C-alpha cells in the first residue's frame, strides 16, 4: 500500500560517517554511543556496499561483524561500506553484544547512516522504494548486501566487472538465473531514482 512520508522531518535526518568509537566494556555502552564521535572521511568513493540494520533477532545480528569484514575484504579499497541503522536498536542491542563492531567503526571505509524515525517500522522492501535512501548513498555505484549470503574471495568475476550496469540481481532460488536482487545486487543510484519516480514514490 501507499506509505505516507513527512518530507520535512525526513530532510532533517542525519547521514554521517563515523570514524571511531571509544573503546570500553561493551556492557557500558551508552544508548547514543554509536553517534558520539564523527569526523569527515573520504568523499570521492568509486562505489559503496550498503546494507540495512533495521532490526533483527539476536541469532541473526550475531553475524553482523562477519558480514562487514566479508564485504571489506572482497571489495576494492576505494569502495565504502555503508550501514543504514535503526539508531536506538543499534545502540541498545547491537553495540552491547558485538565488540567487533566497535573495532569496525574505526575503519576509514565504514559509514553509518541513521534511518529517519518514519522508516523504523518499515520492512526493508519499503525502504528501498524511498528516494531518500538512494540519495544518502555515498557513491553512485552500489552493491546491496545482507546476512543471507557472502562474497566469494576466489570469485573469477570481480565487482569491477559490473561497472556501468544499472541492475544485476542475485539468481532466484531454484532457477539459477534472473532474480530480484533480494539478498545481493548491483544497482545504479540514478537508475533506482528513475525507477521510483516512474512507479510513483511510496508504492510497494
Protein backbone atom coordinates (compact mmCIF):
# COMPACT_ATOMS: atom_id res chain seq x y z
CA UNK A 1 0.00 0.00 0.00
CA UNK A 2 0.97 3.64 -0.17
CA UNK A 3 3.26 4.96 2.55
CA UNK A 4 2.84 8.48 3.88
CA UNK A 5 6.07 10.41 4.46
CA UNK A 6 6.66 13.65 6.33
CA UNK A 7 9.16 15.17 3.89
CA UNK A 8 10.23 17.97 6.24
CA UNK A 9 11.18 15.57 9.02
CA UNK A 10 12.89 13.20 6.61
CA UNK A 11 15.00 16.03 5.20
CA UNK A 12 16.40 16.63 8.69
CA UNK A 13 17.62 13.05 9.07
CA UNK A 14 21.33 12.70 9.70
CA UNK A 15 23.67 10.86 7.36
CA UNK A 16 27.11 10.98 8.93
CA UNK A 17 30.26 8.85 8.60
CA UNK A 18 31.54 7.50 11.90
CA UNK A 19 35.28 7.35 12.25
CA UNK A 20 35.81 5.97 15.70
CA UNK A 21 34.27 4.94 18.95
CA UNK A 22 35.82 4.99 22.40
CA UNK A 23 37.00 1.54 23.45
CA UNK A 24 35.24 0.37 26.58
CA UNK A 25 33.48 -2.58 28.13
CA UNK A 26 30.55 -3.41 25.86
CA UNK A 27 28.22 -3.65 28.86
CA UNK A 28 28.65 0.08 29.46
CA UNK A 29 27.77 1.35 26.01
CA UNK A 30 25.50 4.39 26.19
CA UNK A 31 22.37 4.49 24.03
CA UNK A 32 23.81 7.23 21.80
CA UNK A 33 27.34 5.83 21.74
CA UNK A 34 27.17 4.92 18.04
CA UNK A 35 26.69 8.57 17.16
CA UNK A 36 29.05 10.15 19.68
CA UNK A 37 32.18 10.68 17.59
CA UNK A 38 32.30 11.73 13.94
CA UNK A 39 34.77 13.25 11.53
CA UNK A 40 34.99 13.83 7.81
CA UNK A 41 36.01 10.79 5.80
CA UNK A 42 36.98 10.31 2.19
CA UNK A 43 34.27 11.75 -0.04
CA UNK A 44 35.17 10.52 -3.53
CA UNK A 45 34.26 6.87 -3.26
CA UNK A 46 34.13 4.93 -6.53
CA UNK A 47 31.40 2.68 -5.15
CA UNK A 48 29.57 1.74 -2.00
CA UNK A 49 28.47 -1.56 -0.48
CA UNK A 50 25.33 -0.92 1.54
CA UNK A 51 23.17 -2.85 3.96
CA UNK A 52 20.23 -2.26 6.29
CA UNK A 53 20.48 -2.89 10.03
CA UNK A 54 16.85 -2.18 10.75
CA UNK A 55 16.04 -4.76 13.40
CA UNK A 56 16.72 -8.47 13.70
CA UNK A 57 16.63 -11.26 16.27
CA UNK A 58 19.83 -11.83 18.19
CA UNK A 59 20.65 -15.05 16.32
CA UNK A 60 20.72 -13.04 13.07
CA UNK A 61 22.57 -9.91 14.12
CA UNK A 62 25.32 -12.04 15.64
CA UNK A 63 26.58 -12.32 12.06
CA UNK A 64 26.96 -8.55 11.53
CA UNK A 65 30.67 -8.44 12.32
CA UNK A 66 31.41 -11.28 9.89
CA UNK A 67 29.15 -9.68 7.26
CA UNK A 68 31.05 -6.41 7.33
CA UNK A 69 34.50 -8.00 7.34
CA UNK A 70 33.49 -10.20 4.40
CA UNK A 71 32.49 -7.18 2.33
CA UNK A 72 35.52 -5.11 3.37
CA UNK A 73 37.82 -7.96 2.35
CA UNK A 74 36.15 -8.55 -1.01
CA UNK A 75 35.53 -5.07 -2.35
CA UNK A 76 38.09 -2.50 -3.59
CA UNK A 77 39.78 -0.07 -1.23
CA UNK A 78 38.06 2.83 -2.99
CA UNK A 79 34.63 1.46 -2.07
CA UNK A 80 32.90 2.47 1.16
CA UNK A 81 30.76 0.14 3.27
CA UNK A 82 27.62 1.99 4.35
CA UNK A 83 25.32 0.65 7.08
CA UNK A 84 21.86 2.17 7.44
CA UNK A 85 20.85 1.73 11.07
CA UNK A 86 17.88 1.93 13.39
CA UNK A 87 19.83 4.08 15.89
CA UNK A 88 18.12 3.13 19.17
CA UNK A 89 18.10 -0.57 18.35
CA UNK A 90 21.72 -0.41 17.11
CA UNK A 91 22.86 1.18 20.36
CA UNK A 92 20.77 -0.86 22.78
CA UNK A 93 21.07 -4.28 21.13
CA UNK A 94 23.88 -4.50 18.58
CA UNK A 95 26.72 -2.50 20.13
CA UNK A 96 26.29 -4.11 23.54
CA UNK A 97 26.78 -7.56 22.04
CA UNK A 98 29.46 -7.02 19.40
CA UNK A 99 32.93 -5.93 20.45
CA UNK A 100 33.97 -6.48 16.83
CA UNK A 101 31.57 -3.75 15.68
CA UNK A 102 33.37 -1.27 17.94
CA UNK A 103 36.60 -2.05 16.10
CA UNK A 104 34.93 -1.80 12.69
CA UNK A 105 33.51 1.64 13.46
CA UNK A 106 37.08 2.93 13.47
CA UNK A 107 37.65 1.69 9.92
CA UNK A 108 38.01 4.51 7.39
CA UNK A 109 35.74 2.74 4.88
CA UNK A 110 32.79 2.25 7.26
CA UNK A 111 29.99 4.83 7.02
CA UNK A 112 27.00 4.76 9.37
CA UNK A 113 23.75 6.46 8.36
CA UNK A 114 20.77 6.86 10.67
CA UNK A 115 17.37 5.96 9.27
CA UNK A 116 14.67 8.59 9.83
CA UNK A 117 12.17 7.75 12.54
CA UNK A 118 9.43 7.47 9.90
CA UNK A 119 11.19 4.48 8.36
CA UNK A 120 11.87 2.45 11.50
CA UNK A 121 8.62 0.47 11.28
CA UNK A 122 9.02 -0.25 7.57
CA UNK A 123 10.04 -3.52 6.01
CA UNK A 124 13.32 -3.40 4.04
CA UNK A 125 11.45 -3.54 0.71
CA UNK A 126 9.53 -0.40 1.72
CA UNK A 127 12.74 1.47 2.50
CA UNK A 128 14.20 0.50 -0.88
CA UNK A 129 11.44 2.42 -2.68
CA UNK A 130 12.12 5.67 -0.82
CA UNK A 131 14.16 8.24 -2.80
CA UNK A 132 15.78 9.37 0.47
CA UNK A 133 17.51 6.00 0.83
CA UNK A 134 19.27 6.21 -2.51
CA UNK A 135 20.13 9.89 -2.13
CA UNK A 136 22.07 9.12 1.07
CA UNK A 137 24.41 6.70 -0.71
CA UNK A 138 27.99 7.97 -0.71
CA UNK A 139 28.55 6.79 -4.30
CA UNK A 140 26.54 6.22 -7.47
CA UNK A 141 27.66 2.62 -7.99
CA UNK A 142 26.03 0.44 -5.32
CA UNK A 143 26.32 -3.14 -4.11
CA UNK A 144 23.47 -4.09 -1.77
CA UNK A 145 24.17 -6.99 0.58
CA UNK A 146 22.60 -8.74 3.54
CA UNK A 147 23.34 -11.50 6.02
CA UNK A 148 21.71 -14.11 3.80
CA UNK A 149 24.80 -14.62 1.67
CA UNK A 150 28.53 -13.97 1.40
CA UNK A 151 31.03 -12.71 -1.16
CA UNK A 152 33.39 -15.33 -2.51
CA UNK A 153 37.07 -14.45 -2.07
CA UNK A 154 38.03 -16.63 -5.05
CA UNK A 155 35.44 -15.34 -7.50
CA UNK A 156 36.62 -15.02 -11.09
CA UNK A 157 34.26 -12.06 -11.54
CA UNK A 158 35.44 -9.03 -9.54
CA UNK A 159 32.87 -6.40 -8.61
CA UNK A 160 34.51 -4.02 -11.10
CA UNK A 161 33.13 -6.27 -13.86
CA UNK A 162 29.72 -4.72 -13.16
CA UNK A 163 30.80 -1.09 -13.62
CA UNK A 164 28.19 0.79 -15.62
CA UNK A 165 25.41 -1.75 -15.05
CA UNK A 166 22.15 -0.31 -13.68
CA UNK A 167 20.89 -3.51 -12.08
CA UNK A 168 22.06 -7.07 -11.65
CA UNK A 169 20.28 -9.24 -9.08
CA UNK A 170 21.31 -12.50 -7.50
CA UNK A 171 19.74 -15.60 -9.07
CA UNK A 172 16.28 -16.63 -7.97
CA UNK A 173 16.37 -19.70 -5.74
CA UNK A 174 15.86 -22.91 -7.69
CA UNK A 175 16.08 -21.30 -11.13
CA UNK A 176 19.75 -20.35 -11.47
CA UNK A 177 19.15 -17.18 -13.48
CA UNK A 178 17.35 -13.88 -13.21
CA UNK A 179 16.36 -12.89 -9.70
CA UNK A 180 15.16 -9.76 -7.98
CA UNK A 181 18.31 -8.95 -6.04
CA UNK A 182 16.60 -9.65 -2.73
CA UNK A 183 19.86 -10.51 -0.94
CA UNK A 184 22.76 -9.25 -3.04
CA UNK A 185 22.56 -6.97 -6.06
CA UNK A 186 24.38 -4.35 -8.09
CA UNK A 187 22.46 -1.12 -8.60
CA UNK A 188 22.89 2.37 -10.01
CA UNK A 189 21.64 5.23 -7.83
CA UNK A 190 20.38 7.14 -10.86
CA UNK A 191 18.52 4.13 -12.23
CA UNK A 192 16.88 3.43 -8.85
CA UNK A 193 15.70 7.04 -8.53
CA UNK A 194 14.35 6.98 -12.09
CA UNK A 195 12.51 3.71 -11.43
CA UNK A 196 10.95 5.06 -8.21
CA UNK A 197 9.89 8.22 -9.97
CA UNK A 198 8.34 6.20 -12.78
CA UNK A 199 6.48 3.89 -10.38
CA UNK A 200 5.37 6.74 -8.08
CA UNK A 201 7.16 7.22 -4.70
CA UNK A 202 5.80 5.39 -1.68
CA UNK A 203 4.38 2.45 -3.61
CA UNK A 204 5.43 -1.13 -2.78
